[in-house]
Amino acid sequence: MMERAVQTENCRLKQKDPLIALMCYWSTPCSVTGASTAELLMGRKIRTTLSSLEKNLRPSWPDKKRIKQKDEVEKKRQAFYYNKGHGACPTFGL
């Protein structure tokens, strides 16, 4: 899995302008939280090479409670399928 991530990053950095590739990465929303990395950091959508409405660029912090809740649900789901695939059992008495 990590090899694929490294391969993707290398491909991204070999483009004509790696800064535009990084900007696209930072502005892409995460499937779990529904907010991009830049949005979580700055509280607003960043300006990209794509045109956007001015109202979308105004600061509005994402709801931290909702993001944390979505993240916990996603972690539980991943743990369930990981444990199911690896035959893990809950330990009692520890």
PDB file of N, CA and C in Angstrom:
ATOM      1  N   MET A   1       0.835  -1.193   0.000  1.00  0.00           N
ATOM      2  CA  MET A   1       0.000   0.000   0.000  1.00  0.00           C
ATOM      3  C   MET A   1       0.877   1.254   0.000  1.00  0.00           C
ATOM      4  N   MET A   2       1.929   1.233   0.820  1.00  0.00           N
ATOM      5  CA  MET A   2       2.809   2.403   0.882  1.00  0.00           C
ATOM      6  C   MET A   2       3.578   2.585  -0.425  1.00  0.00           C
ATOM      7  N   GLU A   3       3.899   1.478  -1.087  1.00  0.00           N
ATOM      8  CA  GLU A   3       4.622   1.585  -2.352  1.00  0.00           C
ATOM      9  C   GLU A   3       3.800   2.355  -3.379  1.00  0.00           C
ATOM     10  N   ARG A   4       2.495   2.107  -3.361  1.00  0.00           N
ATOM     11  CA  ARG A   4       1.612   2.801  -4.301  1.00  0.00           C
ATOM     12  C   ARG A   4       1.540   4.292  -3.974  1.00  0.00           C
ATOM     13  N   ALA A   5       1.523   4.624  -2.688  1.00  0.00           N
ATOM     14  CA  ALA A   5       1.491   6.037  -2.284  1.00  0.00           C
ATOM     15  C   ALA A   5       2.765   6.742  -2.720  1.00  0.00           C
ATOM     16  N   VAL A   6       3.909   6.077  -2.560  1.00  0.00           N
ATOM     17  CA  VAL A   6       5.186   6.668  -2.983  1.00  0.00           C
ATOM     18  C   VAL A   6       5.204   6.831  -4.490  1.00  0.00           C
ATOM     19  N   GLN A   7       4.700   5.835  -5.211  1.00  0.00           N
ATOM     20  CA  GLN A   7       4.657   5.917  -6.669  1.00  0.00           C
ATOM     21  C   GLN A   7       3.771   7.089  -7.119  1.00  0.00           C
ATOM     22  N   THR A   8       2.651   7.285  -6.458  1.00  0.00           N
ATOM     23  CA  THR A   8       1.755   8.395  -6.797  1.00  0.00           C
ATOM     24  C   THR A   8       2.431   9.732  -6.557  1.00  0.00           C
ATOM     25  N   GLU A   9       3.115   9.860  -5.420  1.00  0.00           N
ATOM     26  CA  GLU A   9       3.809  11.122  -5.116  1.00  0.00           C
ATOM     27  C   GLU A   9       4.937  11.386  -6.102  1.00  0.00           C
ATOM     28  N   ASN A  10       5.696  10.370  -6.470  1.00  0.00           N
ATOM     29  CA  ASN A  10       6.768  10.560  -7.441  1.00  0.00           C
ATOM     30  C   ASN A  10       6.214  11.017  -8.775  1.00  0.00           C
ATOM     31  N   CYS A  11       5.115  10.421  -9.200  1.00  0.00           N
ATOM     32  CA  CYS A  11       4.470  10.823 -10.449  1.00  0.00           C
ATOM     33  C   CYS A  11       4.000  12.272 -10.364  1.00  0.00           C
ATOM     34  N   ARG A  12       3.448  12.633  -9.213  1.00  0.00           N
ATOM     35  CA  ARG A  12       2.944  13.990  -9.007  1.00  0.00           C
ATOM     36  C   ARG A  12       4.082  15.000  -9.066  1.00  0.00           C
ATOM     37  N   LEU A  13       5.225  14.665  -8.496  1.00  0.00           N
ATOM     38  CA  LEU A  13       6.349  15.602  -8.455  1.00  0.00           C
ATOM     39  C   LEU A  13       7.100  15.681  -9.781  1.00  0.00           C
ATOM     40  N   LYS A  14       6.884  14.721 -10.689  1.00  0.00           N
ATOM     41  CA  LYS A  14       7.541  14.747 -11.995  1.00  0.00           C
ATOM     42  C   LYS A  14       6.780  15.588 -13.014  1.00  0.00           C
ATOM     43  N   GLN A  15       5.651  16.143 -12.636  1.00  0.00           N
ATOM     44  CA  GLN A  15       4.879  16.982 -13.555  1.00  0.00           C
ATOM     45  C   GLN A  15       5.636  18.269 -13.839  1.00  0.00           C
ATOM     46  N   LYS A  16       5.152  19.014 -14.820  1.00  0.00           N
ATOM     47  CA  LYS A  16       5.807  20.275 -15.183  1.00  0.00           C
ATOM     48  C   LYS A  16       5.919  21.211 -13.995  1.00  0.00           C
ATOM     49  N   ASP A  17       4.827  21.374 -13.277  1.00  0.00           N
ATOM     50  CA  ASP A  17       4.809  22.266 -12.120  1.00  0.00           C
ATOM     51  C   ASP A  17       4.334  21.497 -10.894  1.00  0.00           C
ATOM     52  N   PRO A  18       5.265  21.015 -10.067  1.00  0.00           N
ATOM     53  CA  PRO A  18       4.858  20.223  -8.899  1.00  0.00           C
ATOM     54  C   PRO A  18       4.056  21.022  -7.879  1.00  0.00           C
ATOM     55  N   LEU A  19       4.175  22.335  -7.878  1.00  0.00           N
ATOM     56  CA  LEU A  19       3.411  23.148  -6.937  1.00  0.00           C
ATOM     57  C   LEU A  19       1.909  23.091  -7.238  1.00  0.00           C
ATOM     58  N   ILE A  20       1.574  23.043  -8.515  1.00  0.00           N
ATOM     59  CA  ILE A  20       0.162  22.922  -8.882  1.00  0.00           C
ATOM     60  C   ILE A  20      -0.362  21.558  -8.457  1.00  0.00           C
ATOM     61  N   ALA A  21       0.467  20.521  -8.587  1.00  0.00           N
ATOM     62  CA  ALA A  21       0.056  19.185  -8.151  1.00  0.00           C
ATOM     63  C   ALA A  21      -0.188  19.163  -6.647  1.00  0.00           C
ATOM     64  N   LEU A  22       0.682  19.806  -5.876  1.00  0.00           N
ATOM     65  CA  LEU A  22       0.493  19.872  -4.432  1.00  0.00           C
ATOM     66  C   LEU A  22      -0.748  20.669  -4.067  1.00  0.00           C
ATOM     67  N   MET A  23      -0.994  21.757  -4.800  1.00  0.00           N
ATOM     68  CA  MET A  23      -2.180  22.569  -4.547  1.00  0.00           C
ATOM     69  C   MET A  23      -3.447  21.746  -4.798  1.00  0.00           C
ATOM     70  N   CYS A  24      -3.443  20.942  -5.853  1.00  0.00           N
ATOM     71  CA  CYS A  24      -4.598  20.085  -6.128  1.00  0.00           C
ATOM     72  C   CYS A  24      -4.781  19.064  -5.020  1.00  0.00           C
ATOM     73  N   TYR A  25      -3.681  18.518  -4.515  1.00  0.00           N
ATOM     74  CA  TYR A  25      -3.762  17.537  -3.428  1.00  0.00           C
ATOM     75  C   TYR A  25      -4.334  18.177  -2.168  1.00  0.00           C
ATOM     76  N   TRP A  26      -3.863  19.371  -1.826  1.00  0.00           N
ATOM     77  CA  TRP A  26      -4.312  20.044  -0.610  1.00  0.00           C
ATOM     78  C   TRP A  26      -5.767  20.493  -0.700  1.00  0.00           C
ATOM     79  N   SER A  27      -6.235  20.752  -1.917  1.00  0.00           N
ATOM     80  CA  SER A  27      -7.601  21.263  -2.058  1.00  0.00           C
ATOM     81  C   SER A  27      -8.631  20.161  -2.283  1.00  0.00           C
ATOM     82  N   THR A  28      -8.186  18.913  -2.419  1.00  0.00           N
ATOM     83  CA  THR A  28      -9.104  17.807  -2.632  1.00  0.00           C
ATOM     84  C   THR A  28      -9.707  17.353  -1.305  1.00  0.00           C
ATOM     85  N   PRO A  29     -11.029  17.302  -1.196  1.00  0.00           N
ATOM     86  CA  PRO A  29     -11.656  16.871   0.063  1.00  0.00           C
ATOM     87  C   PRO A  29     -11.376  15.404   0.372  1.00  0.00           C
ATOM     88  N   CYS A  30     -11.198  15.117   1.631  1.00  0.00           N
ATOM     89  CA  CYS A  30     -10.986  13.752   2.114  1.00  0.00           C
ATOM     90  C   CYS A  30     -12.342  13.047   2.177  1.00  0.00           C
ATOM     91  N   SER A  31     -12.381  11.782   1.820  1.00  0.00           N
ATOM     92  CA  SER A  31     -13.656  11.061   1.809  1.00  0.00           C
ATOM     93  C   SER A  31     -14.210  10.847   3.220  1.00  0.00           C
ATOM     94  N   VAL A  32     -13.345  10.802   4.210  1.00  0.00           N
ATOM     95  CA  VAL A  32     -13.797  10.563   5.589  1.00  0.00           C
ATOM     96  C   VAL A  32     -14.371  11.830   6.200  1.00  0.00           C
ATOM     97  N   THR A  33     -13.617  12.916   6.142  1.00  0.00           N
ATOM     98  CA  THR A  33     -14.031  14.142   6.817  1.00  0.00           C
ATOM     99  C   THR A  33     -14.910  15.032   5.949  1.00  0.00           C
ATOM    100  N   GLY A  34     -14.769  14.924   4.642  1.00  0.00           N
ATOM    101  CA  GLY A  34     -15.533  15.778   3.748  1.00  0.00           C
ATOM    102  C   GLY A  34     -14.916  17.157   3.580  1.00  0.00           C
ATOM    103  N   ALA A  35     -13.743  17.377   4.188  1.00  0.00           N
ATOM    104  CA  ALA A  35     -13.047  18.659   4.077  1.00  0.00           C
ATOM    105  C   ALA A  35     -11.631  18.409   3.584  1.00  0.00           C
ATOM    106  N   SER A  36     -11.076  19.375   2.874  1.00  0.00           N
ATOM    107  CA  SER A  36      -9.711  19.225   2.378  1.00  0.00           C
ATOM    108  C   SER A  36      -8.702  19.550   3.480  1.00  0.00           C
ATOM    109  N   THR A  37      -7.450  19.198   3.227  1.00  0.00           N
ATOM    110  CA  THR A  37      -6.384  19.480   4.188  1.00  0.00           C
ATOM    111  C   THR A  37      -6.260  20.979   4.416  1.00  0.00           C
ATOM    112  N   ALA A  38      -6.303  21.746   3.350  1.00  0.00           N
ATOM    113  CA  ALA A  38      -6.191  23.194   3.466  1.00  0.00           C
ATOM    114  C   ALA A  38      -7.382  23.781   4.226  1.00  0.00           C
ATOM    115  N   GLU A  39      -8.557  23.217   4.010  1.00  0.00           N
ATOM    116  CA  GLU A  39      -9.763  23.694   4.690  1.00  0.00           C
ATOM    117  C   GLU A  39      -9.658  23.477   6.197  1.00  0.00           C
ATOM    118  N   LEU A  40      -9.143  22.315   6.592  1.00  0.00           N
ATOM    119  CA  LEU A  40      -8.977  22.042   8.010  1.00  0.00           C
ATOM    120  C   LEU A  40      -7.922  22.946   8.632  1.00  0.00           C
ATOM    121  N   LEU A  41      -6.891  23.276   7.856  1.00  0.00           N
ATOM    122  CA  LEU A  41      -5.813  24.106   8.365  1.00  0.00           C
ATOM    123  C   LEU A  41      -6.194  25.583   8.428  1.00  0.00           C
ATOM    124  N   MET A  42      -6.814  26.098   7.366  1.00  0.00           N
ATOM    125  CA  MET A  42      -7.069  27.532   7.270  1.00  0.00           C
ATOM    126  C   MET A  42      -8.517  27.936   7.486  1.00  0.00           C
ATOM    127  N   GLY A  43      -9.424  26.972   7.506  1.00  0.00           N
ATOM    128  CA  GLY A  43     -10.823  27.297   7.726  1.00  0.00           C
ATOM    129  C   GLY A  43     -11.542  27.817   6.502  1.00  0.00           C
ATOM    130  N   ARG A  44     -10.949  27.646   5.345  1.00  0.00           N
ATOM    131  CA  ARG A  44     -11.598  28.081   4.110  1.00  0.00           C
ATOM    132  C   ARG A  44     -11.033  27.275   2.959  1.00  0.00           C
ATOM    133  N   LYS A  45     -11.728  27.289   1.844  1.00  0.00           N
ATOM    134  CA  LYS A  45     -11.213  26.633   0.644  1.00  0.00           C
ATOM    135  C   LYS A  45     -10.107  27.515   0.066  1.00  0.00           C
ATOM    136  N   ILE A  46      -9.064  26.897  -0.464  1.00  0.00           N
ATOM    137  CA  ILE A  46      -7.988  27.695  -1.056  1.00  0.00           C
ATOM    138  C   ILE A  46      -8.307  27.996  -2.516  1.00  0.00           C
ATOM    139  N   ARG A  47      -7.700  29.026  -3.012  1.00  0.00           N
ATOM    140  CA  ARG A  47      -7.901  29.416  -4.397  1.00  0.00           C
ATOM    141  C   ARG A  47      -7.051  28.518  -5.287  1.00  0.00           C
ATOM    142  N   THR A  48      -7.665  27.910  -6.273  1.00  0.00           N
ATOM    143  CA  THR A  48      -6.959  27.018  -7.185  1.00  0.00           C
ATOM    144  C   THR A  48      -7.014  27.585  -8.592  1.00  0.00           C
ATOM    145  N   THR A  49      -6.474  26.828  -9.537  1.00  0.00           N
ATOM    146  CA  THR A  49      -6.498  27.282 -10.921  1.00  0.00           C
ATOM    147  C   THR A  49      -7.903  27.187 -11.512  1.00  0.00           C
ATOM    148  N   LEU A  50      -8.785  26.415 -10.873  1.00  0.00           N
ATOM    149  CA  LEU A  50     -10.178  26.355 -11.309  1.00  0.00           C
ATOM    150  C   LEU A  50     -10.923  27.575 -10.793  1.00  0.00           C
ATOM    151  N   SER A  51     -11.844  28.070 -11.571  1.00  0.00           N
ATOM    152  CA  SER A  51     -12.600  29.231 -11.121  1.00  0.00           C
ATOM    153  C   SER A  51     -13.547  28.832  -9.987  1.00  0.00           C
ATOM    154  N   SER A  52     -13.778  29.760  -9.086  1.00  0.00           N
ATOM    155  CA  SER A  52     -14.636  29.498  -7.940  1.00  0.00           C
ATOM    156  C   SER A  52     -15.417  30.750  -7.598  1.00  0.00           C
ATOM    157  N   LEU A  53     -16.543  30.571  -6.948  1.00  0.00           N
ATOM    158  CA  LEU A  53     -17.333  31.713  -6.507  1.00  0.00           C
ATOM    159  C   LEU A  53     -16.676  32.364  -5.301  1.00  0.00           C
ATOM    160  N   GLU A  54     -16.800  33.654  -5.176  1.00  0.00           N
ATOM    161  CA  GLU A  54     -16.204  34.392  -4.062  1.00  0.00           C
ATOM    162  C   GLU A  54     -16.744  33.921  -2.714  1.00  0.00           C
ATOM    163  N   LYS A  55     -18.038  33.571  -2.666  1.00  0.00           N
ATOM    164  CA  LYS A  55     -18.632  33.145  -1.397  1.00  0.00           C
ATOM    165  C   LYS A  55     -18.021  31.830  -0.897  1.00  0.00           C
ATOM    166  N   ASN A  56     -17.485  30.989  -1.791  1.00  0.00           N
ATOM    167  CA  ASN A  56     -16.848  29.737  -1.380  1.00  0.00           C
ATOM    168  C   ASN A  56     -15.483  29.962  -0.747  1.00  0.00           C
ATOM    169  N   LEU A  57     -14.896  31.125  -0.947  1.00  0.00           N
ATOM    170  CA  LEU A  57     -13.569  31.413  -0.419  1.00  0.00           C
ATOM    171  C   LEU A  57     -13.618  32.123   0.929  1.00  0.00           C
ATOM    172  N   ARG A  58     -14.816  32.460   1.405  1.00  0.00           N
ATOM    173  CA  ARG A  58     -14.924  33.113   2.713  1.00  0.00           C
ATOM    174  C   ARG A  58     -14.659  32.106   3.815  1.00  0.00           C
ATOM    175  N   PRO A  59     -13.963  32.533   4.883  1.00  0.00           N
ATOM    176  CA  PRO A  59     -13.647  31.590   5.966  1.00  0.00           C
ATOM    177  C   PRO A  59     -14.893  31.061   6.670  1.00  0.00           C
ATOM    178  N   SER A  60     -14.906  29.772   6.878  1.00  0.00           N
ATOM    179  CA  SER A  60     -15.936  29.112   7.695  1.00  0.00           C
ATOM    180  C   SER A  60     -15.352  27.772   8.133  1.00  0.00           C
ATOM    181  N   TRP A  61     -15.038  27.689   9.416  1.00  0.00           N
ATOM    182  CA  TRP A  61     -14.388  26.487   9.931  1.00  0.00           C
ATOM    183  C   TRP A  61     -15.313  25.297   9.835  1.00  0.00           C
ATOM    184  N   PRO A  62     -14.772  24.151   9.405  1.00  0.00           N
ATOM    185  CA  PRO A  62     -15.588  22.927   9.393  1.00  0.00           C
ATOM    186  C   PRO A  62     -15.971  22.547  10.822  1.00  0.00           C
ATOM    187  N   ASP A  63     -17.091  21.881  10.975  1.00  0.00           N
ATOM    188  CA  ASP A  63     -17.580  21.469  12.278  1.00  0.00           C
ATOM    189  C   ASP A  63     -16.665  20.367  12.833  1.00  0.00           C
ATOM    190  N   LYS A  64     -15.867  20.719  13.853  1.00  0.00           N
ATOM    191  CA  LYS A  64     -14.880  19.779  14.395  1.00  0.00           C
ATOM    192  C   LYS A  64     -15.550  18.558  15.012  1.00  0.00           C
ATOM    193  N   LYS A  65     -16.692  18.751  15.630  1.00  0.00           N
ATOM    194  CA  LYS A  65     -17.398  17.636  16.271  1.00  0.00           C
ATOM    195  C   LYS A  65     -17.840  16.620  15.218  1.00  0.00           C
ATOM    196  N   ARG A  66     -18.380  17.106  14.104  1.00  0.00           N
ATOM    197  CA  ARG A  66     -18.836  16.224  13.029  1.00  0.00           C
ATOM    198  C   ARG A  66     -17.652  15.495  12.400  1.00  0.00           C
ATOM    199  N   ILE A  67     -16.545  16.195  12.199  1.00  0.00           N
ATOM    200  CA  ILE A  67     -15.366  15.585  11.591  1.00  0.00           C
ATOM    201  C   ILE A  67     -14.793  14.514  12.511  1.00  0.00           C
ATOM    202  N   LYS A  68     -14.723  14.810  13.806  1.00  0.00           N
ATOM    203  CA  LYS A  68     -14.191  13.846  14.758  1.00  0.00           C
ATOM    204  C   LYS A  68     -15.084  12.600  14.812  1.00  0.00           C
ATOM    205  N   GLN A  69     -16.402  12.814  14.784  1.00  0.00           N
ATOM    206  CA  GLN A  69     -17.344  11.707  14.817  1.00  0.00           C
ATOM    207  C   GLN A  69     -17.200  10.835  13.569  1.00  0.00           C
ATOM    208  N   LYS A  70     -17.092  11.452  12.395  1.00  0.00           N
ATOM    209  CA  LYS A  70     -16.922  10.706  11.154  1.00  0.00           C
ATOM    210  C   LYS A  70     -15.615   9.924  11.180  1.00  0.00           C
ATOM    211  N   ASP A  71     -14.564  10.543  11.727  1.00  0.00           N
ATOM    212  CA  ASP A  71     -13.260   9.896  11.798  1.00  0.00           C
ATOM    213  C   ASP A  71     -13.311   8.672  12.706  1.00  0.00           C
ATOM    214  N   GLU A  72     -13.992   8.780  13.852  1.00  0.00           N
ATOM    215  CA  GLU A  72     -14.116   7.645  14.772  1.00  0.00           C
ATOM    216  C   GLU A  72     -14.901   6.502  14.143  1.00  0.00           C
ATOM    217  N   VAL A  73     -15.969   6.818  13.430  1.00  0.00           N
ATOM    218  CA  VAL A  73     -16.759   5.791  12.757  1.00  0.00           C
ATOM    219  C   VAL A  73     -15.905   5.083  11.710  1.00  0.00           C
ATOM    220  N   GLU A  74     -15.139   5.842  10.950  1.00  0.00           N
ATOM    221  CA  GLU A  74     -14.281   5.263   9.915  1.00  0.00           C
ATOM    222  C   GLU A  74     -13.206   4.377  10.531  1.00  0.00           C
ATOM    223  N   LYS A  75     -12.612   4.793  11.645  1.00  0.00           N
ATOM    224  CA  LYS A  75     -11.588   3.982  12.309  1.00  0.00           C
ATOM    225  C   LYS A  75     -12.176   2.677  12.836  1.00  0.00           C
ATOM    226  N   LYS A  76     -13.385   2.727  13.389  1.00  0.00           N
ATOM    227  CA  LYS A  76     -14.040   1.511  13.876  1.00  0.00           C
ATOM    228  C   LYS A  76     -14.335   0.561  12.723  1.00  0.00           C
ATOM    229  N   ARG A  77     -14.772   1.111  11.593  1.00  0.00           N
ATOM    230  CA  ARG A  77     -15.070   0.283  10.423  1.00  0.00           C
ATOM    231  C   ARG A  77     -13.802  -0.391   9.919  1.00  0.00           C
ATOM    232  N   GLN A  78     -12.708   0.375   9.823  1.00  0.00           N
ATOM    233  CA  GLN A  78     -11.443  -0.186   9.364  1.00  0.00           C
ATOM    234  C   GLN A  78     -10.941  -1.251  10.325  1.00  0.00           C
ATOM    235  N   ALA A  79     -11.056  -1.003  11.633  1.00  0.00           N
ATOM    236  CA  ALA A  79     -10.612  -1.984  12.629  1.00  0.00           C
ATOM    237  C   ALA A  79     -11.438  -3.264  12.523  1.00  0.00           C
ATOM    238  N   PHE A  80     -12.747  -3.127  12.309  1.00  0.00           N
ATOM    239  CA  PHE A  80     -13.615  -4.298  12.177  1.00  0.00           C
ATOM    240  C   PHE A  80     -13.166  -5.183  11.027  1.00  0.00           C
ATOM    241  N   TYR A  81     -12.955  -4.584   9.844  1.00  0.00           N
ATOM    242  CA  TYR A  81     -12.577  -5.376   8.678  1.00  0.00           C
ATOM    243  C   TYR A  81     -11.148  -5.905   8.786  1.00  0.00           C
ATOM    244  N   TYR A  82     -10.253  -5.150   9.414  1.00  0.00           N
ATOM    245  CA  TYR A  82      -8.890  -5.643   9.625  1.00  0.00           C
ATOM    246  C   TYR A  82      -8.912  -6.856  10.535  1.00  0.00           C
ATOM    247  N   ASN A  83      -9.626  -6.751  11.662  1.00  0.00           N
ATOM    248  CA  ASN A  83      -9.710  -7.863  12.612  1.00  0.00           C
ATOM    249  C   ASN A  83     -10.406  -9.077  11.992  1.00  0.00           C
ATOM    250  N   LYS A  84     -11.418  -8.826  11.187  1.00  0.00           N
ATOM    251  CA  LYS A  84     -12.139  -9.913  10.531  1.00  0.00           C
ATOM    252  C   LYS A  84     -11.221 -10.652   9.557  1.00  0.00           C
ATOM    253  N   GLY A  85     -10.428  -9.912   8.826  1.00  0.00           N
ATOM    254  CA  GLY A  85      -9.531 -10.511   7.837  1.00  0.00           C
ATOM    255  C   GLY A  85      -8.337 -11.217   8.448  1.00  0.00           C
ATOM    256  N   HIS A  86      -7.935 -10.807   9.633  1.00  0.00           N
ATOM    257  CA  HIS A  86      -6.755 -11.383  10.267  1.00  0.00           C
ATOM    258  C   HIS A  86      -7.104 -12.334  11.406  1.00  0.00           C
ATOM    259  N   GLY A  87      -8.370 -12.620  11.583  1.00  0.00           N
ATOM    260  CA  GLY A  87      -8.798 -13.575  12.596  1.00  0.00           C
ATOM    261  C   GLY A  87      -8.538 -13.126  14.016  1.00  0.00           C
ATOM    262  N   ALA A  88      -8.551 -11.825  14.268  1.00  0.00           N
ATOM    263  CA  ALA A  88      -8.308 -11.308  15.601  1.00  0.00           C
ATOM    264  C   ALA A  88      -9.545 -11.493  16.486  1.00  0.00           C
ATOM    265  N   CYS A  89      -9.306 -11.823  17.738  1.00  0.00           N
ATOM    266  CA  CYS A  89     -10.391 -12.011  18.699  1.00  0.00           C
ATOM    267  C   CYS A  89     -10.206 -11.029  19.842  1.00  0.00           C
ATOM    268  N   PRO A  90     -11.287 -10.548  20.437  1.00  0.00           N
ATOM    269  CA  PRO A  90     -11.142  -9.654  21.586  1.00  0.00           C
ATOM    270  C   PRO A  90     -10.562 -10.436  22.771  1.00  0.00           C
ATOM    271  N   THR A  91      -9.677  -9.776  23.528  1.00  0.00           N
ATOM    272  CA  THR A  91      -9.089 -10.441  24.695  1.00  0.00           C
ATOM    273  C   THR A  91      -9.878 -10.058  25.920  1.00  0.00           C
ATOM    274  N   PHE A  92     -10.076 -11.008  26.808  1.00  0.00           N
ATOM    275  CA  PHE A  92     -10.844 -10.780  28.022  1.00  0.00           C
ATOM    276  C   PHE A  92      -9.927 -10.906  29.220  1.00  0.00           C
ATOM    277  N   GLY A  93     -10.135 -10.066  30.227  1.00  0.00           N
ATOM    278  CA  GLY A  93      -9.396 -10.162  31.468  1.00  0.00           C
ATOM    279  C   GLY A  93      -8.063  -9.457  31.454  1.00  0.00           C
ATOM    280  N   LEU A  94      -7.736  -8.718  30.411  1.00  0.00           N
ATOM    281  CA  LEU A  94      -6.451  -7.993  30.416  1.00  0.00           C
ATOM    282  C   LEU A  94      -6.619  -6.565  30.797  1.00  0.00           C
TER     283      LEU A  94
END
